[in-house]
Amino acid sequence: MDPSVERRIASAALALRHVFVRDLVVEACVGVHPHERGRPQPVRVSIDLGVEDDGARPLSRPAVSHDDLSRVVDYEAVAATARRILEAGHVALVETLAERIAEACLADRRVRLVRVRVEKLEAVAGAASVGVEIERRNREP
């Protein structure tokens, strides 16, 4: 079975809603090389949150509308948090940035899992990007 289909099936069984921020580009100071210190470079971040879906319902029940921002994870707040972490000062590794973003997202207990991709866009000549993608889960229900 295609892994993306398997992931969607698992999400449906667990009643997860996916909230995402895709391709957020921020100037950040990151890198281990001397020429990267103190010189911001473009970094692209994508975040996918698996969030408990309190709107999930059996097909036999009619849909209930909860059109209320306070009941959902706000993607603007997620983007602002990622931007704040990226702009906080020099970090040697993109892995560190990804872990910090994941930790901040998991602070919201509604978030069951988070996938974070951090890409440096100008680090390697000839490559569109290089970076890391991590997936972390909330240990507490």
N, C-alpha and C. Protein backbone atom coordinates (compact mmCIF):
# COMPACT_ATOMS: atom_id res chain seq x y z
N MET A 1 0.85 -1.19 0.00
CA MET A 1 0.00 0.00 0.00
C MET A 1 0.89 1.24 0.00
N ASP A 2 0.50 2.23 -0.76
CA ASP A 2 1.21 3.50 -0.82
C ASP A 2 1.28 4.11 0.59
N PRO A 3 2.49 4.50 1.07
CA PRO A 3 2.62 5.05 2.43
C PRO A 3 1.75 6.27 2.70
N SER A 4 1.53 7.11 1.69
CA SER A 4 0.69 8.30 1.93
C SER A 4 -0.76 7.90 2.15
N VAL A 5 -1.23 6.86 1.46
CA VAL A 5 -2.59 6.37 1.68
C VAL A 5 -2.69 5.76 3.08
N GLU A 6 -1.67 4.97 3.44
CA GLU A 6 -1.65 4.36 4.77
C GLU A 6 -1.69 5.43 5.86
N ARG A 7 -0.95 6.52 5.68
CA ARG A 7 -0.93 7.61 6.65
C ARG A 7 -2.32 8.25 6.78
N ARG A 8 -3.00 8.47 5.66
CA ARG A 8 -4.34 9.06 5.70
C ARG A 8 -5.32 8.14 6.42
N ILE A 9 -5.22 6.84 6.16
CA ILE A 9 -6.11 5.89 6.82
C ILE A 9 -5.86 5.92 8.33
N ALA A 10 -4.60 5.91 8.73
CA ALA A 10 -4.27 5.97 10.16
C ALA A 10 -4.80 7.25 10.77
N SER A 11 -4.68 8.36 10.07
CA SER A 11 -5.17 9.63 10.59
C SER A 11 -6.68 9.59 10.77
N ALA A 12 -7.38 9.00 9.82
CA ALA A 12 -8.83 8.92 9.94
C ALA A 12 -9.23 8.06 11.14
N ALA A 13 -8.51 6.96 11.35
CA ALA A 13 -8.83 6.08 12.48
C ALA A 13 -8.56 6.75 13.81
N LEU A 14 -7.56 7.62 13.85
CA LEU A 14 -7.22 8.31 15.09
C LEU A 14 -7.95 9.64 15.23
N ALA A 15 -8.77 10.00 14.28
CA ALA A 15 -9.50 11.27 14.27
C ALA A 15 -8.54 12.45 14.40
N LEU A 16 -7.59 12.52 13.47
CA LEU A 16 -6.64 13.63 13.44
C LEU A 16 -6.99 14.58 12.32
N ARG A 17 -6.82 15.83 12.60
CA ARG A 17 -6.91 16.89 11.59
C ARG A 17 -5.47 17.34 11.35
N HIS A 18 -5.10 17.56 10.11
CA HIS A 18 -3.75 18.04 9.82
C HIS A 18 -3.79 19.54 9.56
N VAL A 19 -3.05 20.25 10.38
CA VAL A 19 -2.89 21.70 10.25
C VAL A 19 -1.46 21.89 9.76
N PHE A 20 -1.27 22.71 8.74
CA PHE A 20 0.09 22.83 8.22
C PHE A 20 0.45 24.26 7.86
N VAL A 21 1.76 24.49 7.88
CA VAL A 21 2.39 25.70 7.36
C VAL A 21 3.41 25.17 6.37
N ARG A 22 3.27 25.52 5.11
CA ARG A 22 4.13 24.97 4.08
C ARG A 22 5.00 26.06 3.46
N ASP A 23 6.28 25.79 3.38
CA ASP A 23 7.24 26.63 2.65
C ASP A 23 7.35 28.06 3.18
N LEU A 24 7.40 28.19 4.50
CA LEU A 24 7.64 29.49 5.14
C LEU A 24 9.13 29.80 4.97
N VAL A 25 9.46 30.91 4.33
CA VAL A 25 10.86 31.29 4.11
C VAL A 25 11.21 32.45 5.02
N VAL A 26 12.29 32.26 5.79
CA VAL A 26 12.74 33.25 6.76
C VAL A 26 14.26 33.36 6.64
N GLU A 27 14.78 34.57 6.79
CA GLU A 27 16.23 34.76 6.86
C GLU A 27 16.67 34.35 8.26
N ALA A 28 17.59 33.40 8.35
CA ALA A 28 18.03 32.88 9.65
C ALA A 28 19.55 32.71 9.65
N CYS A 29 20.14 32.84 10.82
CA CYS A 29 21.57 32.60 10.99
C CYS A 29 21.76 31.17 11.45
N VAL A 30 22.18 30.32 10.53
CA VAL A 30 22.35 28.90 10.83
C VAL A 30 23.53 28.36 10.03
N GLY A 31 24.32 27.54 10.68
CA GLY A 31 25.42 26.89 9.98
C GLY A 31 26.65 26.74 10.83
N VAL A 32 27.49 25.77 10.46
CA VAL A 32 28.70 25.48 11.21
C VAL A 32 29.93 26.15 10.61
N HIS A 33 29.82 26.64 9.39
CA HIS A 33 30.98 27.21 8.71
C HIS A 33 31.18 28.67 9.09
N PRO A 34 32.44 29.11 9.13
CA PRO A 34 32.72 30.51 9.50
C PRO A 34 31.97 31.53 8.64
N HIS A 35 31.83 31.26 7.35
CA HIS A 35 31.14 32.22 6.48
C HIS A 35 29.63 32.29 6.76
N GLU A 36 29.09 31.35 7.55
CA GLU A 36 27.67 31.37 7.89
C GLU A 36 27.39 32.11 9.19
N ARG A 37 28.41 32.40 9.96
CA ARG A 37 28.22 33.10 11.24
C ARG A 37 27.91 34.57 10.98
N GLY A 38 26.82 35.04 11.59
CA GLY A 38 26.45 36.45 11.48
C GLY A 38 25.92 36.86 10.12
N ARG A 39 25.70 35.89 9.25
CA ARG A 39 25.18 36.18 7.91
C ARG A 39 23.88 35.41 7.72
N PRO A 40 22.75 36.10 7.79
CA PRO A 40 21.48 35.40 7.57
C PRO A 40 21.40 34.80 6.17
N GLN A 41 20.74 33.68 6.08
CA GLN A 41 20.52 33.03 4.79
C GLN A 41 19.08 32.53 4.74
N PRO A 42 18.52 32.38 3.55
CA PRO A 42 17.13 31.92 3.47
C PRO A 42 16.99 30.46 3.91
N VAL A 43 16.03 30.26 4.79
CA VAL A 43 15.70 28.93 5.30
C VAL A 43 14.21 28.72 5.07
N ARG A 44 13.87 27.56 4.52
CA ARG A 44 12.46 27.24 4.28
C ARG A 44 12.02 26.19 5.29
N VAL A 45 10.86 26.44 5.90
CA VAL A 45 10.33 25.54 6.92
C VAL A 45 8.92 25.10 6.52
N SER A 46 8.67 23.82 6.68
CA SER A 46 7.32 23.28 6.53
C SER A 46 6.98 22.50 7.79
N ILE A 47 5.77 22.70 8.28
CA ILE A 47 5.32 22.09 9.52
C ILE A 47 3.97 21.44 9.27
N ASP A 48 3.83 20.19 9.69
CA ASP A 48 2.55 19.48 9.59
C ASP A 48 2.21 18.97 10.98
N LEU A 49 1.07 19.39 11.50
CA LEU A 49 0.64 19.00 12.84
C LEU A 49 -0.53 18.03 12.73
N GLY A 50 -0.43 16.90 13.41
CA GLY A 50 -1.56 15.99 13.56
C GLY A 50 -2.27 16.37 14.85
N VAL A 51 -3.46 16.94 14.73
CA VAL A 51 -4.17 17.53 15.86
C VAL A 51 -5.42 16.71 16.16
N GLU A 52 -5.69 16.50 17.44
CA GLU A 52 -6.93 15.83 17.83
C GLU A 52 -8.10 16.57 17.20
N ASP A 53 -8.96 15.84 16.55
CA ASP A 53 -10.09 16.44 15.84
C ASP A 53 -11.36 16.25 16.65
N ASP A 54 -11.72 17.26 17.44
CA ASP A 54 -12.93 17.13 18.26
C ASP A 54 -14.20 17.25 17.42
N GLY A 55 -14.04 17.54 16.14
CA GLY A 55 -15.20 17.60 15.26
C GLY A 55 -15.48 16.28 14.57
N ALA A 56 -14.65 15.26 14.85
CA ALA A 56 -14.86 13.96 14.21
C ALA A 56 -16.18 13.37 14.68
N ARG A 57 -16.85 12.68 13.77
CA ARG A 57 -18.17 12.14 14.11
C ARG A 57 -18.43 10.90 13.27
N PRO A 58 -19.28 10.02 13.75
CA PRO A 58 -19.70 8.89 12.92
C PRO A 58 -20.50 9.41 11.73
N LEU A 59 -20.48 8.69 10.65
CA LEU A 59 -21.22 9.11 9.46
C LEU A 59 -22.72 9.22 9.71
N SER A 60 -23.23 8.51 10.72
CA SER A 60 -24.66 8.53 10.99
C SER A 60 -25.12 9.82 11.68
N ARG A 61 -24.16 10.59 12.23
CA ARG A 61 -24.52 11.84 12.91
C ARG A 61 -24.32 13.02 11.98
N PRO A 62 -25.20 14.00 12.01
CA PRO A 62 -25.00 15.18 11.17
C PRO A 62 -23.80 15.99 11.64
N ALA A 63 -23.21 16.71 10.72
CA ALA A 63 -22.07 17.57 11.04
C ALA A 63 -22.48 18.68 11.98
N VAL A 64 -21.59 18.99 12.90
CA VAL A 64 -21.81 20.11 13.82
C VAL A 64 -20.75 21.15 13.50
N SER A 65 -21.16 22.36 13.30
CA SER A 65 -20.21 23.41 12.96
C SER A 65 -19.70 24.10 14.21
N HIS A 66 -18.38 24.12 14.35
CA HIS A 66 -17.73 24.83 15.44
C HIS A 66 -16.83 25.88 14.80
N ASP A 67 -17.41 26.89 14.26
CA ASP A 67 -16.68 27.91 13.53
C ASP A 67 -16.07 28.90 14.52
N ASP A 68 -15.09 28.42 15.28
CA ASP A 68 -14.53 29.19 16.39
C ASP A 68 -13.03 28.95 16.45
N LEU A 69 -12.24 29.99 16.22
CA LEU A 69 -10.78 29.88 16.19
C LEU A 69 -10.20 29.30 17.48
N SER A 70 -10.82 29.57 18.61
CA SER A 70 -10.29 29.08 19.88
C SER A 70 -10.36 27.55 20.00
N ARG A 71 -11.13 26.90 19.12
CA ARG A 71 -11.29 25.44 19.17
C ARG A 71 -10.30 24.70 18.27
N VAL A 72 -9.48 25.44 17.56
CA VAL A 72 -8.55 24.81 16.63
C VAL A 72 -7.13 25.32 16.88
N VAL A 73 -6.15 24.61 16.32
CA VAL A 73 -4.77 25.09 16.34
C VAL A 73 -4.64 26.12 15.23
N ASP A 74 -4.21 27.30 15.59
CA ASP A 74 -4.13 28.45 14.69
C ASP A 74 -2.83 28.40 13.88
N TYR A 75 -2.92 28.21 12.58
CA TYR A 75 -1.72 28.12 11.75
C TYR A 75 -0.94 29.42 11.73
N GLU A 76 -1.60 30.57 11.91
CA GLU A 76 -0.85 31.83 11.99
C GLU A 76 0.03 31.85 13.23
N ALA A 77 -0.46 31.32 14.34
CA ALA A 77 0.34 31.25 15.57
C ALA A 77 1.50 30.27 15.39
N VAL A 78 1.27 29.17 14.69
CA VAL A 78 2.34 28.20 14.42
C VAL A 78 3.43 28.86 13.58
N ALA A 79 3.04 29.59 12.54
CA ALA A 79 4.01 30.28 11.68
C ALA A 79 4.78 31.33 12.47
N ALA A 80 4.10 32.09 13.31
CA ALA A 80 4.76 33.12 14.12
C ALA A 80 5.76 32.50 15.08
N THR A 81 5.42 31.37 15.68
CA THR A 81 6.34 30.68 16.59
C THR A 81 7.58 30.21 15.83
N ALA A 82 7.38 29.61 14.67
CA ALA A 82 8.52 29.15 13.86
C ALA A 82 9.41 30.33 13.48
N ARG A 83 8.80 31.42 13.06
CA ARG A 83 9.57 32.62 12.68
C ARG A 83 10.39 33.13 13.88
N ARG A 84 9.78 33.18 15.05
CA ARG A 84 10.48 33.65 16.26
C ARG A 84 11.69 32.76 16.56
N ILE A 85 11.53 31.45 16.45
CA ILE A 85 12.63 30.51 16.70
C ILE A 85 13.74 30.70 15.66
N LEU A 86 13.37 30.85 14.41
CA LEU A 86 14.35 31.02 13.34
C LEU A 86 15.13 32.33 13.46
N GLU A 87 14.49 33.35 13.99
CA GLU A 87 15.12 34.67 14.08
C GLU A 87 15.78 34.92 15.43
N ALA A 88 15.81 33.93 16.32
CA ALA A 88 16.28 34.13 17.70
C ALA A 88 17.79 34.26 17.84
N GLY A 89 18.55 33.95 16.83
CA GLY A 89 20.00 34.03 16.93
C GLY A 89 20.64 32.85 16.25
N HIS A 90 21.97 32.88 16.18
CA HIS A 90 22.70 31.84 15.44
C HIS A 90 22.54 30.46 16.08
N VAL A 91 22.32 29.49 15.22
CA VAL A 91 22.25 28.07 15.60
C VAL A 91 23.14 27.32 14.61
N ALA A 92 23.91 26.37 15.10
CA ALA A 92 24.83 25.65 14.23
C ALA A 92 24.12 24.69 13.27
N LEU A 93 23.09 24.00 13.74
CA LEU A 93 22.51 22.91 12.96
C LEU A 93 21.03 23.12 12.63
N VAL A 94 20.64 22.74 11.43
CA VAL A 94 19.22 22.77 11.07
C VAL A 94 18.44 21.77 11.93
N GLU A 95 19.11 20.71 12.37
CA GLU A 95 18.48 19.73 13.26
C GLU A 95 18.01 20.39 14.56
N THR A 96 18.83 21.30 15.08
CA THR A 96 18.47 22.02 16.31
C THR A 96 17.24 22.89 16.08
N LEU A 97 17.19 23.58 14.95
CA LEU A 97 16.02 24.40 14.63
C LEU A 97 14.76 23.54 14.54
N ALA A 98 14.87 22.41 13.85
CA ALA A 98 13.72 21.52 13.70
C ALA A 98 13.23 21.02 15.06
N GLU A 99 14.15 20.63 15.93
CA GLU A 99 13.77 20.14 17.26
C GLU A 99 13.08 21.24 18.08
N ARG A 100 13.59 22.46 17.99
CA ARG A 100 12.99 23.57 18.75
C ARG A 100 11.58 23.87 18.26
N ILE A 101 11.40 23.84 16.95
CA ILE A 101 10.06 24.10 16.39
C ILE A 101 9.11 22.97 16.80
N ALA A 102 9.57 21.73 16.70
CA ALA A 102 8.73 20.59 17.09
C ALA A 102 8.33 20.68 18.56
N GLU A 103 9.29 21.00 19.41
CA GLU A 103 9.01 21.11 20.85
C GLU A 103 7.96 22.19 21.13
N ALA A 104 8.10 23.33 20.46
CA ALA A 104 7.14 24.42 20.65
C ALA A 104 5.74 23.99 20.20
N CYS A 105 5.65 23.28 19.08
CA CYS A 105 4.34 22.83 18.59
C CYS A 105 3.71 21.81 19.53
N LEU A 106 4.52 20.91 20.08
CA LEU A 106 4.01 19.87 20.96
C LEU A 106 3.62 20.39 22.34
N ALA A 107 3.96 21.63 22.63
CA ALA A 107 3.53 22.23 23.91
C ALA A 107 2.01 22.34 23.97
N ASP A 108 1.36 22.41 22.81
CA ASP A 108 -0.10 22.39 22.75
C ASP A 108 -0.52 20.92 22.81
N ARG A 109 -1.16 20.50 23.88
CA ARG A 109 -1.50 19.09 24.11
C ARG A 109 -2.47 18.53 23.08
N ARG A 110 -3.14 19.38 22.31
CA ARG A 110 -4.02 18.88 21.25
C ARG A 110 -3.21 18.30 20.10
N VAL A 111 -1.95 18.72 19.99
CA VAL A 111 -1.07 18.26 18.91
C VAL A 111 -0.54 16.88 19.29
N ARG A 112 -0.92 15.87 18.51
CA ARG A 112 -0.49 14.49 18.78
C ARG A 112 0.86 14.20 18.12
N LEU A 113 1.08 14.76 16.94
CA LEU A 113 2.36 14.55 16.26
C LEU A 113 2.68 15.78 15.43
N VAL A 114 3.97 15.93 15.17
CA VAL A 114 4.42 17.06 14.35
C VAL A 114 5.53 16.57 13.43
N ARG A 115 5.48 17.03 12.21
CA ARG A 115 6.55 16.78 11.25
C ARG A 115 7.10 18.15 10.85
N VAL A 116 8.41 18.32 11.00
CA VAL A 116 9.05 19.61 10.69
C VAL A 116 10.16 19.37 9.68
N ARG A 117 10.16 20.16 8.62
CA ARG A 117 11.23 20.13 7.63
C ARG A 117 11.89 21.50 7.63
N VAL A 118 13.22 21.51 7.76
CA VAL A 118 13.99 22.75 7.70
C VAL A 118 14.99 22.60 6.57
N GLU A 119 14.98 23.56 5.63
CA GLU A 119 15.84 23.50 4.46
C GLU A 119 16.65 24.78 4.32
N LYS A 120 17.95 24.63 4.09
CA LYS A 120 18.80 25.76 3.73
C LYS A 120 18.76 25.84 2.20
N LEU A 121 18.46 27.02 1.69
CA LEU A 121 18.22 27.16 0.25
C LEU A 121 19.46 27.51 -0.56
N GLU A 122 20.53 27.96 0.10
CA GLU A 122 21.72 28.38 -0.65
C GLU A 122 22.99 27.72 -0.12
N ALA A 123 22.88 26.60 0.56
CA ALA A 123 24.04 26.00 1.23
C ALA A 123 24.94 25.19 0.29
N VAL A 124 24.36 24.51 -0.67
CA VAL A 124 25.14 23.64 -1.55
C VAL A 124 24.88 24.03 -3.00
N ALA A 125 25.96 24.39 -3.69
CA ALA A 125 25.84 24.79 -5.10
C ALA A 125 25.21 23.67 -5.91
N GLY A 126 24.24 24.03 -6.72
CA GLY A 126 23.58 23.07 -7.59
C GLY A 126 22.40 22.34 -6.96
N ALA A 127 22.22 22.49 -5.65
CA ALA A 127 21.10 21.83 -4.97
C ALA A 127 20.02 22.87 -4.67
N ALA A 128 18.78 22.51 -4.92
CA ALA A 128 17.67 23.43 -4.61
C ALA A 128 17.61 23.69 -3.11
N SER A 129 17.89 22.65 -2.32
CA SER A 129 17.91 22.81 -0.87
C SER A 129 18.58 21.60 -0.24
N VAL A 130 19.02 21.79 1.00
CA VAL A 130 19.51 20.70 1.84
C VAL A 130 18.91 20.90 3.22
N GLY A 131 18.74 19.83 3.97
CA GLY A 131 18.16 20.04 5.29
C GLY A 131 17.80 18.75 5.98
N VAL A 132 16.80 18.85 6.83
CA VAL A 132 16.38 17.73 7.66
C VAL A 132 14.87 17.76 7.82
N GLU A 133 14.29 16.59 7.99
CA GLU A 133 12.87 16.46 8.32
C GLU A 133 12.77 15.51 9.51
N ILE A 134 12.05 15.95 10.54
CA ILE A 134 11.88 15.12 11.73
C ILE A 134 10.39 14.92 12.00
N GLU A 135 10.07 13.88 12.72
CA GLU A 135 8.71 13.64 13.19
C GLU A 135 8.78 13.32 14.67
N ARG A 136 7.97 14.01 15.44
CA ARG A 136 7.94 13.80 16.89
C ARG A 136 6.49 13.63 17.32
N ARG A 137 6.29 12.88 18.40
CA ARG A 137 4.95 12.62 18.94
C ARG A 137 4.85 13.13 20.35
N ASN A 138 3.64 13.54 20.72
CA ASN A 138 3.36 13.92 22.09
C ASN A 138 3.22 12.64 22.90
N ARG A 139 3.94 12.52 23.97
CA ARG A 139 3.91 11.31 24.79
C ARG A 139 2.68 11.26 25.68
N GLU A 140 2.17 12.43 26.05
CA GLU A 140 1.01 12.48 26.95
C GLU A 140 -0.27 12.65 26.14
N PRO A 141 -1.33 11.94 26.51
CA PRO A 141 -2.61 12.11 25.81
C PRO A 141 -3.26 13.42 26.16
